[in-house]
Structure formats: structure tokens, C-alpha cells
Amino acid sequence: MADPITPEVSDRICKHMNEDHAEAVLLYAKVYGKTENATKATMSSIDPEGMNLDVSIDSETATLRIPFDRTLTDSEDAHQTLIGMVRQARA
């Protein structure tokens, strides 16, 4: 059974995404955050309603909130949603 999205689970997901899927995180910022000129993005937190990204644009850093299209139920739902979002962004 998957874990609820607690602050500890959020930290684990963010660490994994930032270390292993940095290109996907940048793609989330460019496509869903509408910051096509972003050069770097890191996921700072995730909760059932959305994710927060710290994004570098030109020499500035901004925080973006990217809402999900529905409320997530647990960590497995977050995993599948993030995969679906990156696939849709690449299409």
C-alpha cells in the first residue's frame, strides 16, 4: 500500500525527482508553469493539490505553484500523475 503524502513523503519525492529526473522537473516548469525561458527548476514540495517548484529565469529565482488536475490520494497516485504529466508535456 502506498504512503499518504506527508511532509516526509514530499521530501522523499522531491529528492528523487531533483536527483534523478531534473529534466522532467524543468519540463513541468516550462509547460505547466508557462515559463518557457526557465533554465533550471527544482521541486521544493508536493502535496495532494499540487507541487511547488523553484525556477531560475534569467538570473532570477521564482517559486511556481503547479496544481494537479485532481486531488491525489497517496504517493503511488503522485508517482503515476507525475509520469502522466511528463508524458503529456513531451507530446
C-alpha atoms as a PDB file:
ATOM      1  CA  MET A   1       0.000   0.000   0.000  1.00  0.00           C
ATOM      2  CA  ALA A   2       1.254   3.486  -0.853  1.00  0.00           C
ATOM      3  CA  ASP A   3       2.031   6.146   1.730  1.00  0.00           C
ATOM      4  CA  PRO A   4      -0.115   9.242   2.295  1.00  0.00           C
ATOM      5  CA  ILE A   5       1.593  12.420   1.084  1.00  0.00           C
ATOM      6  CA  THR A   6       3.068  13.642   4.353  1.00  0.00           C
ATOM      7  CA  PRO A   7       5.898  16.218   4.608  1.00  0.00           C
ATOM      8  CA  GLU A   8       8.358  13.296   4.876  1.00  0.00           C
ATOM      9  CA  VAL A   9       6.966  11.671   1.729  1.00  0.00           C
ATOM     10  CA  SER A  10       7.066  15.051  -0.024  1.00  0.00           C
ATOM     11  CA  ASP A  11      10.759  15.371   0.862  1.00  0.00           C
ATOM     12  CA  ARG A  12      11.453  11.866  -0.457  1.00  0.00           C
ATOM     13  CA  ILE A  13       9.615  12.521  -3.735  1.00  0.00           C
ATOM     14  CA  CYS A  14      11.340  15.889  -4.220  1.00  0.00           C
ATOM     15  CA  LYS A  15      14.786  14.440  -3.542  1.00  0.00           C
ATOM     16  CA  HIS A  16      14.175  11.658  -6.058  1.00  0.00           C
ATOM     17  CA  MET A  17      12.797  13.998  -8.708  1.00  0.00           C
ATOM     18  CA  ASN A  18      15.587  16.551  -8.310  1.00  0.00           C
ATOM     19  CA  GLU A  19      18.379  13.957  -8.303  1.00  0.00           C
ATOM     20  CA  ASP A  20      17.073  11.527 -10.920  1.00  0.00           C
ATOM     21  CA  HIS A  21      14.573  13.461 -13.053  1.00  0.00           C
ATOM     22  CA  ALA A  22      15.791  17.068 -13.205  1.00  0.00           C
ATOM     23  CA  GLU A  23      14.841  17.313 -16.889  1.00  0.00           C
ATOM     24  CA  ALA A  24      11.245  16.354 -16.059  1.00  0.00           C
ATOM     25  CA  VAL A  25      11.077  18.970 -13.287  1.00  0.00           C
ATOM     26  CA  LEU A  26      12.292  21.640 -15.722  1.00  0.00           C
ATOM     27  CA  LEU A  27       9.710  20.455 -18.243  1.00  0.00           C
ATOM     28  CA  TYR A  28       6.945  20.835 -15.609  1.00  0.00           C
ATOM     29  CA  ALA A  29       8.068  24.439 -15.084  1.00  0.00           C
ATOM     30  CA  LYS A  30       8.227  25.241 -18.795  1.00  0.00           C
ATOM     31  CA  VAL A  31       4.944  23.609 -19.818  1.00  0.00           C
ATOM     32  CA  TYR A  32       2.652  23.717 -16.783  1.00  0.00           C
ATOM     33  CA  GLY A  33       4.224  26.783 -15.184  1.00  0.00           C
ATOM     34  CA  LYS A  34       4.286  28.604 -18.529  1.00  0.00           C
ATOM     35  CA  THR A  35       7.925  29.640 -18.065  1.00  0.00           C
ATOM     36  CA  GLU A  36       9.407  28.591 -21.401  1.00  0.00           C
ATOM     37  CA  ASN A  37      12.569  30.584 -20.695  1.00  0.00           C
ATOM     38  CA  ALA A  38      13.318  28.731 -17.431  1.00  0.00           C
ATOM     39  CA  THR A  39      16.854  27.345 -17.296  1.00  0.00           C
ATOM     40  CA  LYS A  40      16.631  25.299 -14.084  1.00  0.00           C
ATOM     41  CA  ALA A  41      13.906  24.037 -11.788  1.00  0.00           C
ATOM     42  CA  THR A  42      13.850  22.094  -8.547  1.00  0.00           C
ATOM     43  CA  MET A  43      10.834  20.581  -6.839  1.00  0.00           C
ATOM     44  CA  SER A  44      10.625  22.009  -3.324  1.00  0.00           C
ATOM     45  CA  SER A  45       7.419  20.307  -2.160  1.00  0.00           C
ATOM     46  CA  ILE A  46       4.457  18.262  -3.285  1.00  0.00           C
ATOM     47  CA  ASP A  47       1.061  17.789  -1.667  1.00  0.00           C
ATOM     48  CA  PRO A  48      -2.238  16.255  -2.806  1.00  0.00           C
ATOM     49  CA  GLU A  49      -3.255  19.502  -4.562  1.00  0.00           C
ATOM     50  CA  GLY A  50      -0.059  20.360  -6.458  1.00  0.00           C
ATOM     51  CA  MET A  51       3.689  20.898  -6.486  1.00  0.00           C
ATOM     52  CA  ASN A  52       5.950  23.860  -5.750  1.00  0.00           C
ATOM     53  CA  LEU A  53       8.972  24.477  -7.945  1.00  0.00           C
ATOM     54  CA  ASP A  54      11.871  26.882  -7.529  1.00  0.00           C
ATOM     55  CA  VAL A  55      12.619  28.094 -11.032  1.00  0.00           C
ATOM     56  CA  SER A  56      15.568  30.037 -12.457  1.00  0.00           C
ATOM     57  CA  ILE A  57      14.608  32.521 -15.163  1.00  0.00           C
ATOM     58  CA  ASP A  58      17.279  34.851 -16.457  1.00  0.00           C
ATOM     59  CA  SER A  59      19.264  35.404 -13.229  1.00  0.00           C
ATOM     60  CA  GLU A  60      16.158  35.454 -11.033  1.00  0.00           C
ATOM     61  CA  THR A  61      14.614  32.672  -8.985  1.00  0.00           C
ATOM     62  CA  ALA A  62      10.859  32.385  -8.612  1.00  0.00           C
ATOM     63  CA  THR A  63       8.570  29.907  -6.892  1.00  0.00           C
ATOM     64  CA  LEU A  64       5.837  28.382  -9.025  1.00  0.00           C
ATOM     65  CA  ARG A  65       2.774  26.522  -7.825  1.00  0.00           C
ATOM     66  CA  ILE A  66       1.594  23.908 -10.306  1.00  0.00           C
ATOM     67  CA  PRO A  67      -1.803  22.479  -9.370  1.00  0.00           C
ATOM     68  CA  PHE A  68      -2.789  18.927 -10.234  1.00  0.00           C
ATOM     69  CA  ASP A  69      -5.956  18.323 -12.233  1.00  0.00           C
ATOM     70  CA  ARG A  70      -7.406  16.450  -9.238  1.00  0.00           C
ATOM     71  CA  THR A  71      -6.582  15.741  -5.606  1.00  0.00           C
ATOM     72  CA  LEU A  72      -4.025  12.950  -5.231  1.00  0.00           C
ATOM     73  CA  THR A  73      -4.682  10.111  -2.802  1.00  0.00           C
ATOM     74  CA  ASP A  74      -1.188   8.826  -1.943  1.00  0.00           C
ATOM     75  CA  SER A  75       2.434   8.507  -3.049  1.00  0.00           C
ATOM     76  CA  GLU A  76       1.647   5.976  -5.794  1.00  0.00           C
ATOM     77  CA  ASP A  77      -1.002   8.323  -7.185  1.00  0.00           C
ATOM     78  CA  ALA A  78       1.637  11.094  -7.141  1.00  0.00           C
ATOM     79  CA  HIS A  79       4.087   8.825  -8.967  1.00  0.00           C
ATOM     80  CA  GLN A  80       1.595   7.960 -11.695  1.00  0.00           C
ATOM     81  CA  THR A  81       0.418  11.578 -12.000  1.00  0.00           C
ATOM     82  CA  LEU A  82       3.965  12.917 -12.395  1.00  0.00           C
ATOM     83  CA  ILE A  83       4.687  10.287 -15.069  1.00  0.00           C
ATOM     84  CA  GLY A  84       1.472  11.201 -16.909  1.00  0.00           C
ATOM     85  CA  MET A  85       2.268  14.904 -16.734  1.00  0.00           C
ATOM     86  CA  VAL A  86       5.745  14.477 -18.213  1.00  0.00           C
ATOM     87  CA  ARG A  87       4.398  12.253 -20.996  1.00  0.00           C
ATOM     88  CA  GLN A  88       1.716  14.823 -21.812  1.00  0.00           C
ATOM     89  CA  ALA A  89       4.257  17.671 -21.720  1.00  0.00           C
ATOM     90  CA  ARG A  90       6.530  15.835 -24.166  1.00  0.00           C
ATOM     91  CA  ALA A  91       3.671  15.120 -26.595  1.00  0.00           C
END
